[in-house]
Amino acid sequence: MECRAGCGACCVAPSISTAFYGMPQGKPAGVACIHLTRDRLCGLFGDFRRPAVCNNFQAEYAVCADDRETALVNLQQLEILSRPD
């Protein structure tokens, strides 16, 4: 599956625990990455400063589904389920 243009759910729902360009404290879950453009595209796509976790994310129907809202819910659930506590 290819990412849906204008979705950006993966740039909002999950946390990023490591520091990266422009976000030295990482990114909390539910907060839009500062590199998410107005048209919901990654402003660091193809840039070496893009976090490895973002480079490694592969869109899959089971997660991304048919629309942004479902993708957000699914990614939020995965974030909760992956917490170490």
C-alpha atoms as a PDB file:
ATOM      1  CA  MET A   1       0.000   0.000   0.000  1.00  0.00           C
ATOM      2  CA  GLU A   2       1.213   3.511  -0.739  1.00  0.00           C
ATOM      3  CA  CYS A   3       0.698   6.330   1.733  1.00  0.00           C
ATOM      4  CA  ARG A   4      -2.375   8.442   1.069  1.00  0.00           C
ATOM      5  CA  ALA A   5      -1.443  11.986   0.168  1.00  0.00           C
ATOM      6  CA  GLY A   6      -2.925  14.382   2.690  1.00  0.00           C
ATOM      7  CA  CYS A   7      -3.286  11.820   5.495  1.00  0.00           C
ATOM      8  CA  GLY A   8      -0.388  12.448   7.892  1.00  0.00           C
ATOM      9  CA  ALA A   9      -1.854  10.227  10.619  1.00  0.00           C
ATOM     10  CA  CYS A  10       1.569   8.644  11.179  1.00  0.00           C
ATOM     11  CA  CYS A  11       2.963  12.161  11.772  1.00  0.00           C
ATOM     12  CA  VAL A  12       0.481  12.817  14.574  1.00  0.00           C
ATOM     13  CA  ALA A  13      -0.618   9.691  16.473  1.00  0.00           C
ATOM     14  CA  PRO A  14       2.618   7.944  17.458  1.00  0.00           C
ATOM     15  CA  SER A  15       5.319   9.244  19.747  1.00  0.00           C
ATOM     16  CA  ILE A  16       8.948   9.545  18.690  1.00  0.00           C
ATOM     17  CA  SER A  17      11.161   8.927  21.694  1.00  0.00           C
ATOM     18  CA  THR A  18      14.423  10.140  20.191  1.00  0.00           C
ATOM     19  CA  ALA A  19      15.513  13.681  19.471  1.00  0.00           C
ATOM     20  CA  PHE A  20      15.470  14.728  15.833  1.00  0.00           C
ATOM     21  CA  TYR A  21      15.873  17.856  13.740  1.00  0.00           C
ATOM     22  CA  GLY A  22      13.558  20.558  15.034  1.00  0.00           C
ATOM     23  CA  MET A  23      12.220  18.442  17.905  1.00  0.00           C
ATOM     24  CA  PRO A  24      15.103  17.949  20.366  1.00  0.00           C
ATOM     25  CA  GLN A  25      12.804  16.359  22.944  1.00  0.00           C
ATOM     26  CA  GLY A  26      11.243  13.955  20.448  1.00  0.00           C
ATOM     27  CA  LYS A  27       7.524  14.045  19.696  1.00  0.00           C
ATOM     28  CA  PRO A  28       4.714  13.131  22.102  1.00  0.00           C
ATOM     29  CA  ALA A  29       1.873  10.928  20.910  1.00  0.00           C
ATOM     30  CA  GLY A  30      -1.043  12.905  19.543  1.00  0.00           C
ATOM     31  CA  VAL A  31       1.048  15.962  18.711  1.00  0.00           C
ATOM     32  CA  ALA A  32       1.669  16.832  15.071  1.00  0.00           C
ATOM     33  CA  CYS A  33       5.309  16.758  14.031  1.00  0.00           C
ATOM     34  CA  ILE A  34       6.551  20.261  13.255  1.00  0.00           C
ATOM     35  CA  HIS A  35       7.583  19.008   9.820  1.00  0.00           C
ATOM     36  CA  LEU A  36       4.035  18.022   8.856  1.00  0.00           C
ATOM     37  CA  THR A  37       3.085  20.450   6.112  1.00  0.00           C
ATOM     38  CA  ARG A  38      -0.289  22.175   5.734  1.00  0.00           C
ATOM     39  CA  ASP A  39      -1.239  19.621   3.098  1.00  0.00           C
ATOM     40  CA  ARG A  40      -0.281  16.834   5.559  1.00  0.00           C
ATOM     41  CA  LEU A  41       2.915  15.706   3.897  1.00  0.00           C
ATOM     42  CA  CYS A  42       6.306  15.132   5.519  1.00  0.00           C
ATOM     43  CA  GLY A  43       8.544  18.143   5.106  1.00  0.00           C
ATOM     44  CA  LEU A  44      11.568  15.921   5.796  1.00  0.00           C
ATOM     45  CA  PHE A  45      10.700  13.189   3.283  1.00  0.00           C
ATOM     46  CA  GLY A  46      13.936  12.194   1.546  1.00  0.00           C
ATOM     47  CA  ASP A  47      16.003  14.288   3.987  1.00  0.00           C
ATOM     48  CA  PHE A  48      18.747  12.610   6.038  1.00  0.00           C
ATOM     49  CA  ARG A  49      17.397  14.435   9.125  1.00  0.00           C
ATOM     50  CA  ARG A  50      14.127  12.489   8.980  1.00  0.00           C
ATOM     51  CA  PRO A  51      13.900  10.123  11.988  1.00  0.00           C
ATOM     52  CA  ALA A  52      14.691   6.476  11.302  1.00  0.00           C
ATOM     53  CA  VAL A  53      11.348   5.427  12.782  1.00  0.00           C
ATOM     54  CA  CYS A  54       9.604   7.525  10.129  1.00  0.00           C
ATOM     55  CA  ASN A  55      11.790   6.178   7.328  1.00  0.00           C
ATOM     56  CA  ASN A  56      11.024   2.633   8.465  1.00  0.00           C
ATOM     57  CA  PHE A  57       7.249   3.041   8.709  1.00  0.00           C
ATOM     58  CA  GLN A  58       5.464   1.224   5.897  1.00  0.00           C
ATOM     59  CA  ALA A  59       1.833   1.976   5.174  1.00  0.00           C
ATOM     60  CA  GLU A  60      -0.316  -1.139   5.530  1.00  0.00           C
ATOM     61  CA  TYR A  61      -4.030  -1.460   5.050  1.00  0.00           C
ATOM     62  CA  ALA A  62      -4.432  -3.086   8.488  1.00  0.00           C
ATOM     63  CA  VAL A  63      -3.173   0.148  10.060  1.00  0.00           C
ATOM     64  CA  CYS A  64      -4.019   2.857   7.554  1.00  0.00           C
ATOM     65  CA  ALA A  65      -7.407   1.518   6.414  1.00  0.00           C
ATOM     66  CA  ASP A  66      -9.471   3.621   3.993  1.00  0.00           C
ATOM     67  CA  ASP A  67      -9.332   7.052   5.610  1.00  0.00           C
ATOM     68  CA  ARG A  68      -7.311   9.339   7.856  1.00  0.00           C
ATOM     69  CA  GLU A  69      -9.677   9.132  10.830  1.00  0.00           C
ATOM     70  CA  THR A  70      -9.453   5.333  10.990  1.00  0.00           C
ATOM     71  CA  ALA A  71      -5.679   5.488  10.570  1.00  0.00           C
ATOM     72  CA  LEU A  72      -5.458   7.918  13.512  1.00  0.00           C
ATOM     73  CA  VAL A  73      -7.540   5.617  15.727  1.00  0.00           C
ATOM     74  CA  ASN A  74      -5.526   2.547  14.720  1.00  0.00           C
ATOM     75  CA  LEU A  75      -2.194   4.276  15.300  1.00  0.00           C
ATOM     76  CA  GLN A  76      -3.379   5.647  18.650  1.00  0.00           C
ATOM     77  CA  GLN A  77      -4.314   2.117  19.716  1.00  0.00           C
ATOM     78  CA  LEU A  78      -0.921   0.774  18.623  1.00  0.00           C
ATOM     79  CA  GLU A  79       0.748   3.555  20.601  1.00  0.00           C
ATOM     80  CA  ILE A  80      -1.177   2.567  23.733  1.00  0.00           C
ATOM     81  CA  LEU A  81      -0.515  -1.138  23.251  1.00  0.00           C
ATOM     82  CA  SER A  82       3.214  -0.578  22.769  1.00  0.00           C
ATOM     83  CA  ARG A  83       3.752   1.365  26.000  1.00  0.00           C
ATOM     84  CA  PRO A  84       6.177  -0.396  28.335  1.00  0.00           C
ATOM     85  CA  ASP A  85       4.042   0.231  31.456  1.00  0.00           C
END
